[in-house]
C-alpha atoms as a PDB file:
ATOM      1  CA  UNK A   1    -222.100  81.520  71.878  1.00  0.00           C
ATOM      2  CA  UNK A   2    -218.895  80.243  73.476  1.00  0.00           C
ATOM      3  CA  UNK A   3    -218.119  82.513  76.393  1.00  0.00           C
ATOM      4  CA  UNK A   4    -214.477  81.432  76.459  1.00  0.00           C
ATOM      5  CA  UNK A   5    -214.700  80.277  80.050  1.00  0.00           C
ATOM      6  CA  UNK A   6    -213.311  76.793  79.695  1.00  0.00           C
ATOM      7  CA  UNK A   7    -210.535  76.262  82.235  1.00  0.00           C
ATOM      8  CA  UNK A   8    -211.116  79.676  83.988  1.00  0.00           C
ATOM      9  CA  UNK A   9    -210.847  79.603  87.816  1.00  0.00           C
ATOM     10  CA  UNK A  10    -213.851  81.076  89.540  1.00  0.00           C
ATOM     11  CA  UNK A  11    -214.715  82.060  93.119  1.00  0.00           C
ATOM     12  CA  UNK A  12    -218.393  82.600  94.098  1.00  0.00           C
ATOM     13  CA  UNK A  13    -219.491  83.941  97.585  1.00  0.00           C
ATOM     14  CA  UNK A  14    -222.813  82.501  98.600  1.00  0.00           C
ATOM     15  CA  UNK A  15    -222.838  79.716  96.058  1.00  0.00           C
ATOM     16  CA  UNK A  16    -225.198  76.986  97.456  1.00  0.00           C
ATOM     17  CA  UNK A  17    -228.651  78.455  96.567  1.00  0.00           C
ATOM     18  CA  UNK A  18    -230.559  80.997  94.611  1.00  0.00           C
ATOM     19  CA  UNK A  19    -228.607  83.379  92.297  1.00  0.00           C
ATOM     20  CA  UNK A  20    -225.220  82.326  93.664  1.00  0.00           C
ATOM     21  CA  UNK A  21    -225.803  78.651  92.972  1.00  0.00           C
ATOM     22  CA  UNK A  22    -227.048  79.407  89.438  1.00  0.00           C
ATOM     23  CA  UNK A  23    -223.985  81.403  88.758  1.00  0.00           C
ATOM     24  CA  UNK A  24    -221.750  78.568  90.048  1.00  0.00           C
ATOM     25  CA  UNK A  25    -223.721  75.970  87.828  1.00  0.00           C
ATOM     26  CA  UNK A  26    -223.526  78.160  84.867  1.00  0.00           C
ATOM     27  CA  UNK A  27    -219.820  78.705  85.140  1.00  0.00           C
ATOM     28  CA  UNK A  28    -219.355  75.033  85.580  1.00  0.00           C
ATOM     29  CA  UNK A  29    -221.641  74.357  82.502  1.00  0.00           C
ATOM     30  CA  UNK A  30    -219.282  76.581  80.543  1.00  0.00           C
ATOM     31  CA  UNK A  31    -216.247  74.457  81.652  1.00  0.00           C
ATOM     32  CA  UNK A  32    -214.873  76.740  84.439  1.00  0.00           C
ATOM     33  CA  UNK A  33    -213.556  75.439  87.630  1.00  0.00           C
ATOM     34  CA  UNK A  34    -215.487  76.806  90.662  1.00  0.00           C
ATOM     35  CA  UNK A  35    -214.951  77.430  94.390  1.00  0.00           C
ATOM     36  CA  UNK A  36    -217.836  78.337  96.457  1.00  0.00           C
ATOM     37  CA  UNK A  37    -218.598  79.280 100.088  1.00  0.00           C
ATOM     38  CA  UNK A  38    -221.485  79.657 102.314  1.00  0.00           C
ATOM     39  CA  UNK A  39    -222.274  79.122 105.998  1.00  0.00           C
ATOM     40  CA  UNK A  40    -223.812  75.586 105.865  1.00  0.00           C
ATOM     41  CA  UNK A  41    -221.216  72.857 105.422  1.00  0.00           C
ATOM     42  CA  UNK A  42    -223.673  70.216 104.387  1.00  0.00           C
ATOM     43  CA  UNK A  43    -225.049  72.388 101.631  1.00  0.00           C
ATOM     44  CA  UNK A  44    -221.535  73.251 100.516  1.00  0.00           C
ATOM     45  CA  UNK A  45    -220.674  69.392 100.344  1.00  0.00           C
ATOM     46  CA  UNK A  46    -223.727  68.720  98.228  1.00  0.00           C
ATOM     47  CA  UNK A  47    -223.166  71.562  95.945  1.00  0.00           C
ATOM     48  CA  UNK A  48    -219.523  70.771  95.341  1.00  0.00           C
ATOM     49  CA  UNK A  49    -220.428  67.133  94.528  1.00  0.00           C
ATOM     50  CA  UNK A  50    -222.953  68.253  91.971  1.00  0.00           C
ATOM     51  CA  UNK A  51    -220.534  70.805  90.448  1.00  0.00           C
ATOM     52  CA  UNK A  52    -217.930  68.165  90.143  1.00  0.00           C
ATOM     53  CA  UNK A  53    -220.433  65.914  88.231  1.00  0.00           C
ATOM     54  CA  UNK A  54    -220.295  68.486  85.475  1.00  0.00           C
ATOM     55  CA  UNK A  55    -216.678  67.435  84.872  1.00  0.00           C
ATOM     56  CA  UNK A  56    -214.832  70.383  86.383  1.00  0.00           C
ATOM     57  CA  UNK A  57    -212.756  70.907  89.339  1.00  0.00           C
ATOM     58  CA  UNK A  58    -214.928  72.230  92.234  1.00  0.00           C
ATOM     59  CA  UNK A  59    -214.229  72.988  95.887  1.00  0.00           C
ATOM     60  CA  UNK A  60    -215.914  74.892  98.710  1.00  0.00           C
ATOM     61  CA  UNK A  61    -215.843  75.727 102.323  1.00  0.00           C
ATOM     62  CA  UNK A  62    -218.050  76.941 105.188  1.00  0.00           C
ATOM     63  CA  UNK A  63    -217.280  80.597 105.691  1.00  0.00           C
ATOM     64  CA  UNK A  64    -218.956  83.444 107.507  1.00  0.00           C
ATOM     65  CA  UNK A  65    -218.516  86.289 105.045  1.00  0.00           C
ATOM     66  CA  UNK A  66    -218.637  88.835 107.835  1.00  0.00           C
ATOM     67  CA  UNK A  67    -215.475  87.277 109.378  1.00  0.00           C
ATOM     68  CA  UNK A  68    -212.888  89.202 107.205  1.00  0.00           C
ATOM     69  CA  UNK A  69    -209.775  87.128 108.152  1.00  0.00           C
ATOM     70  CA  UNK A  70    -211.636  83.866 107.626  1.00  0.00           C
ATOM     71  CA  UNK A  71    -213.002  85.018 104.245  1.00  0.00           C
ATOM     72  CA  UNK A  72    -209.596  86.216 103.066  1.00  0.00           C
ATOM     73  CA  UNK A  73    -207.919  83.042 104.234  1.00  0.00           C
ATOM     74  CA  UNK A  74    -210.454  80.881 102.426  1.00  0.00           C
ATOM     75  CA  UNK A  75    -210.081  82.854  99.140  1.00  0.00           C
ATOM     76  CA  UNK A  76    -206.373  82.622  99.252  1.00  0.00           C
ATOM     77  CA  UNK A  77    -206.673  78.802  99.895  1.00  0.00           C
ATOM     78  CA  UNK A  78    -209.220  78.481  97.138  1.00  0.00           C
ATOM     79  CA  UNK A  79    -207.050  80.347  94.703  1.00  0.00           C
ATOM     80  CA  UNK A  80    -204.094  78.083  95.517  1.00  0.00           C
ATOM     81  CA  UNK A  81    -206.290  74.942  95.178  1.00  0.00           C
ATOM     82  CA  UNK A  82    -207.779  76.088  91.836  1.00  0.00           C
ATOM     83  CA  UNK A  83    -204.407  77.205  90.519  1.00  0.00           C
ATOM     84  CA  UNK A  84    -205.563  80.876  90.241  1.00  0.00           C
ATOM     85  CA  UNK A  85    -208.563  83.078  90.191  1.00  0.00           C
ATOM     86  CA  UNK A  86    -209.790  84.563  86.914  1.00  0.00           C
ATOM     87  CA  UNK A  87    -213.337  85.541  88.143  1.00  0.00           C
ATOM     88  CA  UNK A  88    -214.605  86.616  91.497  1.00  0.00           C
ATOM     89  CA  UNK A  89    -218.333  86.909  92.126  1.00  0.00           C
ATOM     90  CA  UNK A  90    -219.612  88.699  95.294  1.00  0.00           C
ATOM     91  CA  UNK A  91    -223.122  87.397  95.722  1.00  0.00           C
ATOM     92  CA  UNK A  92    -223.666  87.088  99.506  1.00  0.00           C
ATOM     93  CA  UNK A  93    -226.141  89.427 100.944  1.00  0.00           C
ATOM     94  CA  UNK A  94    -227.754  89.995 104.375  1.00  0.00           C
ATOM     95  CA  UNK A  95    -231.107  91.165 103.015  1.00  0.00           C
ATOM     96  CA  UNK A  96    -231.880  93.100 106.179  1.00  0.00           C
ATOM     97  CA  UNK A  97    -234.767  95.537 105.366  1.00  0.00           C
ATOM     98  CA  UNK A  98    -234.920  97.658 108.443  1.00  0.00           C
ATOM     99  CA  UNK A  99    -233.690 101.209 109.091  1.00  0.00           C
ATOM    100  CA  UNK A 100    -232.496 100.417 112.635  1.00  0.00           C
ATOM    101  CA  UNK A 101    -228.712 100.324 113.556  1.00  0.00           C
ATOM    102  CA  UNK A 102    -228.646  96.549 113.637  1.00  0.00           C
ATOM    103  CA  UNK A 103    -229.925  96.257 110.051  1.00  0.00           C
ATOM    104  CA  UNK A 104    -227.522  98.811 108.816  1.00  0.00           C
ATOM    105  CA  UNK A 105    -224.637  96.967 110.482  1.00  0.00           C
ATOM    106  CA  UNK A 106    -225.763  93.611 109.180  1.00  0.00           C
ATOM    107  CA  UNK A 107    -226.026  94.783 105.603  1.00  0.00           C
ATOM    108  CA  UNK A 108    -222.775  96.775 105.668  1.00  0.00           C
ATOM    109  CA  UNK A 109    -220.729  93.987 107.372  1.00  0.00           C
ATOM    110  CA  UNK A 110    -221.987  91.293 104.886  1.00  0.00           C
ATOM    111  CA  UNK A 111    -222.578  93.081 101.615  1.00  0.00           C
ATOM    112  CA  UNK A 112    -220.001  95.826 101.655  1.00  0.00           C
ATOM    113  CA  UNK A 113    -217.161  94.565 103.778  1.00  0.00           C
ATOM    114  CA  UNK A 114    -217.626  91.083 102.314  1.00  0.00           C
ATOM    115  CA  UNK A 115    -217.077  92.463  98.796  1.00  0.00           C
ATOM    116  CA  UNK A 116    -214.195  94.636 100.021  1.00  0.00           C
ATOM    117  CA  UNK A 117    -212.365  91.769 101.824  1.00  0.00           C
ATOM    118  CA  UNK A 118    -212.992  89.400  99.017  1.00  0.00           C
ATOM    119  CA  UNK A 119    -211.540  91.572  96.372  1.00  0.00           C
ATOM    120  CA  UNK A 120    -208.527  92.409  98.599  1.00  0.00           C
ATOM    121  CA  UNK A 121    -207.795  88.688  98.968  1.00  0.00           C
ATOM    122  CA  UNK A 122    -208.471  87.835  95.375  1.00  0.00           C
ATOM    123  CA  UNK A 123    -206.646  90.823  93.694  1.00  0.00           C
ATOM    124  CA  UNK A 124    -203.146  89.155  93.637  1.00  0.00           C
ATOM    125  CA  UNK A 125    -204.656  86.218  91.814  1.00  0.00           C
ATOM    126  CA  UNK A 126    -206.823  88.339  89.460  1.00  0.00           C
ATOM    127  CA  UNK A 127    -203.780  90.427  88.648  1.00  0.00           C
ATOM    128  CA  UNK A 128    -201.835  87.393  87.673  1.00  0.00           C
ATOM    129  CA  UNK A 129    -204.687  86.127  85.479  1.00  0.00           C
ATOM    130  CA  UNK A 130    -205.033  89.522  83.770  1.00  0.00           C
ATOM    131  CA  UNK A 131    -201.291  89.555  83.109  1.00  0.00           C
ATOM    132  CA  UNK A 132    -201.393  86.085  81.637  1.00  0.00           C
ATOM    133  CA  UNK A 133    -204.623  86.213  79.701  1.00  0.00           C
ATOM    134  CA  UNK A 134    -205.403  89.967  79.300  1.00  0.00           C
ATOM    135  CA  UNK A 135    -208.616  89.757  81.353  1.00  0.00           C
ATOM    136  CA  UNK A 136    -209.883  89.081  84.864  1.00  0.00           C
ATOM    137  CA  UNK A 137    -213.297  89.928  86.331  1.00  0.00           C
ATOM    138  CA  UNK A 138    -214.979  90.950  89.564  1.00  0.00           C
ATOM    139  CA  UNK A 139    -218.824  90.893  89.498  1.00  0.00           C
ATOM    140  CA  UNK A 140    -220.920  92.131  92.290  1.00  0.00           C
ATOM    141  CA  UNK A 141    -224.646  91.294  92.691  1.00  0.00           C
ATOM    142  CA  UNK A 142    -226.483  94.336  93.969  1.00  0.00           C
ATOM    143  CA  UNK A 143    -230.200  95.304  93.552  1.00  0.00           C
ATOM    144  CA  UNK A 144    -232.542  97.631  91.744  1.00  0.00           C
ATOM    145  CA  UNK A 145    -233.368  98.763  95.188  1.00  0.00           C
ATOM    146  CA  UNK A 146    -230.194 101.013  95.047  1.00  0.00           C
ATOM    147  CA  UNK A 147    -232.181 103.350  92.864  1.00  0.00           C
ATOM    148  CA  UNK A 148    -235.635 103.084  94.580  1.00  0.00           C
ATOM    149  CA  UNK A 149    -236.445 104.910  97.753  1.00  0.00           C
ATOM    150  CA  UNK A 150    -240.008 104.720  98.831  1.00  0.00           C
ATOM    151  CA  UNK A 151    -238.955 105.022 102.455  1.00  0.00           C
ATOM    152  CA  UNK A 152    -235.889 105.109 104.507  1.00  0.00           C
ATOM    153  CA  UNK A 153    -234.091 101.824 104.841  1.00  0.00           C
ATOM    154  CA  UNK A 154    -230.686 100.207 104.954  1.00  0.00           C
ATOM    155  CA  UNK A 155    -230.964  97.741 102.134  1.00  0.00           C
ATOM    156  CA  UNK A 156    -231.092 100.182  99.121  1.00  0.00           C
ATOM    157  CA  UNK A 157    -228.292 102.521 100.171  1.00  0.00           C
ATOM    158  CA  UNK A 158    -225.995  99.585 100.949  1.00  0.00           C
ATOM    159  CA  UNK A 159    -226.600  98.241  97.447  1.00  0.00           C
ATOM    160  CA  UNK A 160    -225.980 101.743  96.052  1.00  0.00           C
ATOM    161  CA  UNK A 161    -222.599 101.711  97.858  1.00  0.00           C
ATOM    162  CA  UNK A 162    -221.573  98.558  96.112  1.00  0.00           C
ATOM    163  CA  UNK A 163    -222.375 100.061  92.702  1.00  0.00           C
ATOM    164  CA  UNK A 164    -220.305 103.153  93.566  1.00  0.00           C
ATOM    165  CA  UNK A 165    -217.425 101.047  94.816  1.00  0.00           C
ATOM    166  CA  UNK A 166    -217.549  98.955  91.587  1.00  0.00           C
ATOM    167  CA  UNK A 167    -217.114 101.979  89.362  1.00  0.00           C
ATOM    168  CA  UNK A 168    -214.075 103.127  91.371  1.00  0.00           C
ATOM    169  CA  UNK A 169    -212.473  99.699  91.183  1.00  0.00           C
ATOM    170  CA  UNK A 170    -213.203  99.452  87.462  1.00  0.00           C
ATOM    171  CA  UNK A 171    -211.384 102.745  86.736  1.00  0.00           C
ATOM    172  CA  UNK A 172    -208.586 102.033  89.133  1.00  0.00           C
ATOM    173  CA  UNK A 173    -207.670  98.634  87.788  1.00  0.00           C
ATOM    174  CA  UNK A 174    -208.723  99.168  84.029  1.00  0.00           C
ATOM    175  CA  UNK A 175    -205.127  99.415  82.760  1.00  0.00           C
ATOM    176  CA  UNK A 176    -204.338  96.084  84.488  1.00  0.00           C
ATOM    177  CA  UNK A 177    -207.067  94.330  82.755  1.00  0.00           C
ATOM    178  CA  UNK A 178    -209.158  93.649  85.921  1.00  0.00           C
ATOM    179  CA  UNK A 179    -212.749  94.504  85.197  1.00  0.00           C
ATOM    180  CA  UNK A 180    -215.473  95.246  87.675  1.00  0.00           C
ATOM    181  CA  UNK A 181    -219.240  95.122  86.955  1.00  0.00           C
ATOM    182  CA  UNK A 182    -222.431  94.865  88.710  1.00  0.00           C
ATOM    183  CA  UNK A 183    -225.800  93.121  88.128  1.00  0.00           C
ATOM    184  CA  UNK A 184    -228.804  94.651  89.771  1.00  0.00           C
ATOM    185  CA  UNK A 185    -231.722  92.433  89.860  1.00  0.00           C
ATOM    186  CA  UNK A 186    -235.400  93.128  90.622  1.00  0.00           C
ATOM    187  CA  UNK A 187    -237.649  90.417  92.186  1.00  0.00           C
ATOM    188  CA  UNK A 188    -236.039  87.074  91.980  1.00  0.00           C
ATOM    189  CA  UNK A 189    -238.168  83.982  92.892  1.00  0.00           C
ATOM    190  CA  UNK A 190    -236.994  80.618  94.006  1.00  0.00           C
ATOM    191  CA  UNK A 191    -238.047  78.117  96.607  1.00  0.00           C
ATOM    192  CA  UNK A 192    -236.828  79.265 100.043  1.00  0.00           C
ATOM    193  CA  UNK A 193    -235.943  82.710  98.807  1.00  0.00           C
ATOM    194  CA  UNK A 194    -237.165  86.014 100.082  1.00  0.00           C
ATOM    195  CA  UNK A 195    -239.936  86.449  97.543  1.00  0.00           C
ATOM    196  CA  UNK A 196    -241.128  82.929  98.073  1.00  0.00           C
ATOM    197  CA  UNK A 197    -241.325  83.629 101.840  1.00  0.00           C
ATOM    198  CA  UNK A 198    -243.223  86.818 101.081  1.00  0.00           C
ATOM    199  CA  UNK A 199    -245.586  84.912  98.887  1.00  0.00           C
ATOM    200  CA  UNK A 200    -246.339  82.419 101.661  1.00  0.00           C
ATOM    201  CA  UNK A 201    -246.527  84.810 104.529  1.00  0.00           C
ATOM    202  CA  UNK A 202    -247.794  88.062 102.919  1.00  0.00           C
ATOM    203  CA  UNK A 203    -249.725  87.088  99.804  1.00  0.00           C
ATOM    204  CA  UNK A 204    -251.413  90.272  99.250  1.00  0.00           C
ATOM    205  CA  UNK A 205    -248.222  92.247  99.430  1.00  0.00           C
ATOM    206  CA  UNK A 206    -246.590  89.785  96.995  1.00  0.00           C
ATOM    207  CA  UNK A 207    -249.460  90.278  94.534  1.00  0.00           C
ATOM    208  CA  UNK A 208    -249.203  94.025  94.888  1.00  0.00           C
ATOM    209  CA  UNK A 209    -245.364  93.959  94.294  1.00  0.00           C
ATOM    210  CA  UNK A 210    -245.766  91.690  91.373  1.00  0.00           C
ATOM    211  CA  UNK A 211    -248.394  93.723  89.758  1.00  0.00           C
ATOM    212  CA  UNK A 212    -245.881  96.725  89.526  1.00  0.00           C
ATOM    213  CA  UNK A 213    -243.740  94.800  87.036  1.00  0.00           C
ATOM    214  CA  UNK A 214    -244.891  95.101  83.403  1.00  0.00           C
ATOM    215  CA  UNK A 215    -243.740  91.563  82.732  1.00  0.00           C
ATOM    216  CA  UNK A 216    -246.077  90.226  85.342  1.00  0.00           C
ATOM    217  CA  UNK A 217    -243.539  87.933  86.929  1.00  0.00           C
ATOM    218  CA  UNK A 218    -240.417  87.537  88.987  1.00  0.00           C
ATOM    219  CA  UNK A 219    -236.984  86.616  87.516  1.00  0.00           C
ATOM    220  CA  UNK A 220    -235.569  83.167  87.952  1.00  0.00           C
ATOM    221  CA  UNK A 221    -232.085  82.918  89.538  1.00  0.00           C
ATOM    222  CA  UNK A 222    -230.866  81.566  86.142  1.00  0.00           C
ATOM    223  CA  UNK A 223    -231.866  84.791  84.361  1.00  0.00           C
ATOM    224  CA  UNK A 224    -229.717  86.777  86.851  1.00  0.00           C
ATOM    225  CA  UNK A 225    -226.807  84.183  86.494  1.00  0.00           C
ATOM    226  CA  UNK A 226    -226.799  84.412  82.745  1.00  0.00           C
ATOM    227  CA  UNK A 227    -226.198  88.315  82.949  1.00  0.00           C
ATOM    228  CA  UNK A 228    -223.517  87.813  85.675  1.00  0.00           C
ATOM    229  CA  UNK A 229    -221.627  85.072  83.862  1.00  0.00           C
ATOM    230  CA  UNK A 230    -221.680  87.003  80.551  1.00  0.00           C
ATOM    231  CA  UNK A 231    -220.152  90.074  82.283  1.00  0.00           C
ATOM    232  CA  UNK A 232    -217.515  87.842  83.972  1.00  0.00           C
ATOM    233  CA  UNK A 233    -216.586  86.210  80.692  1.00  0.00           C
ATOM    234  CA  UNK A 234    -213.910  87.440  78.088  1.00  0.00           C
ATOM    235  CA  UNK A 235    -216.790  88.133  75.781  1.00  0.00           C
ATOM    236  CA  UNK A 236    -217.365  91.270  77.940  1.00  0.00           C
ATOM    237  CA  UNK A 237    -213.679  92.272  77.704  1.00  0.00           C
ATOM    238  CA  UNK A 238    -214.417  95.888  77.028  1.00  0.00           C
ATOM    239  CA  UNK A 239    -217.269  96.188  79.599  1.00  0.00           C
ATOM    240  CA  UNK A 240    -216.228  97.532  82.988  1.00  0.00           C
ATOM    241  CA  UNK A 241    -217.735  99.842  85.480  1.00  0.00           C
ATOM    242  CA  UNK A 242    -221.247  98.995  84.336  1.00  0.00           C
ATOM    243  CA  UNK A 243    -224.269  98.329  86.312  1.00  0.00           C
ATOM    244  CA  UNK A 244    -226.607  95.996  84.416  1.00  0.00           C
ATOM    245  CA  UNK A 245    -230.213  96.118  85.577  1.00  0.00           C
ATOM    246  CA  UNK A 246    -232.146  92.952  85.215  1.00  0.00           C
ATOM    247  CA  UNK A 247    -235.502  93.751  86.689  1.00  0.00           C
ATOM    248  CA  UNK A 248    -238.143  93.225  83.990  1.00  0.00           C
ATOM    249  CA  UNK A 249    -238.555  97.010  83.753  1.00  0.00           C
ATOM    250  CA  UNK A 250    -240.048  97.255  87.286  1.00  0.00           C
ATOM    251  CA  UNK A 251    -238.030 100.427  87.431  1.00  0.00           C
ATOM    252  CA  UNK A 252    -238.990 103.294  85.116  1.00  0.00           C
ATOM    253  CA  UNK A 253    -235.543 105.011  85.220  1.00  0.00           C
ATOM    254  CA  UNK A 254    -233.673 105.660  82.111  1.00  0.00           C
ATOM    255  CA  UNK A 255    -230.162 104.175  82.162  1.00  0.00           C
ATOM    256  CA  UNK A 256    -227.559 106.030  80.293  1.00  0.00           C
END
C-alpha cells in the first residue's frame, strides 16, 4: 500500500533510537523528508547521515525537550529548513516509574509539556499543510500503562493525560484538517531499551512480565512505528482522536 507520504515533511521528537528511530526510518523509506531531535549530538549526526542515504532530505539537532523555548525554536527552524511540516510525532519520554515528586515532574516536563510545546510550535506549519493538501497529522506515542494501575505511580497517569489531550486537539482542529492520534504500545524490546535493561538486571521480573502477554513476546520498535506512520499518513485521513493500542493483547480491556 502506498501511504502517500512521498515529499511530506515530518518532525520526530526522540528520533535516534528505539521507536522514534524506527518511525523516522519508516517515514524516510516512504519518501518523506525528516527532521529529528534528541539530546546526543553524535547520535543525531549519525542518524541524519543514515536517513539521507535513503534519498530524502533529513536534518536534526540536539535538543532538550524539557527546554520549551529551545524545543520551539528548533521545530520552527526545522520547519523552515524542510519547507513545511505535514507530520509531527511526539515520541520523547522520560520513563520515570516512581511515585515521588521528582518522577512526576520528570514525566510531566518531558512527556506532557514536550508534546504541548511541540504542537504549539508546529501548529502554524501544520495548518498551512492542511490548507494546501487537506491533511496534516500529530501523532503521540503513549503507553498501555495509561489504562493499567496495579499500584500508584507517575508514568501511567502522565500517559493517560496525553491521550486525553490528543482527543481534545483532535476535536478542536478537525475542521482545519489537522488530525491528532495516539499509539499506545505494550512492552517494546530493543538493545539498550528499558525492557532490555530489565532483562539484563531483573531476569525473573522480565520473564514474569513477558508471561502475562498471550503472544509470549515483546513488540519490536518497527511494529510500533508501522502503526504510527499509518496514522500519520493521508491513508488515515478520517481517523482522528483515536488511541491505537499495540500491545499484543497484554491488556484485557475492550476498546470501543
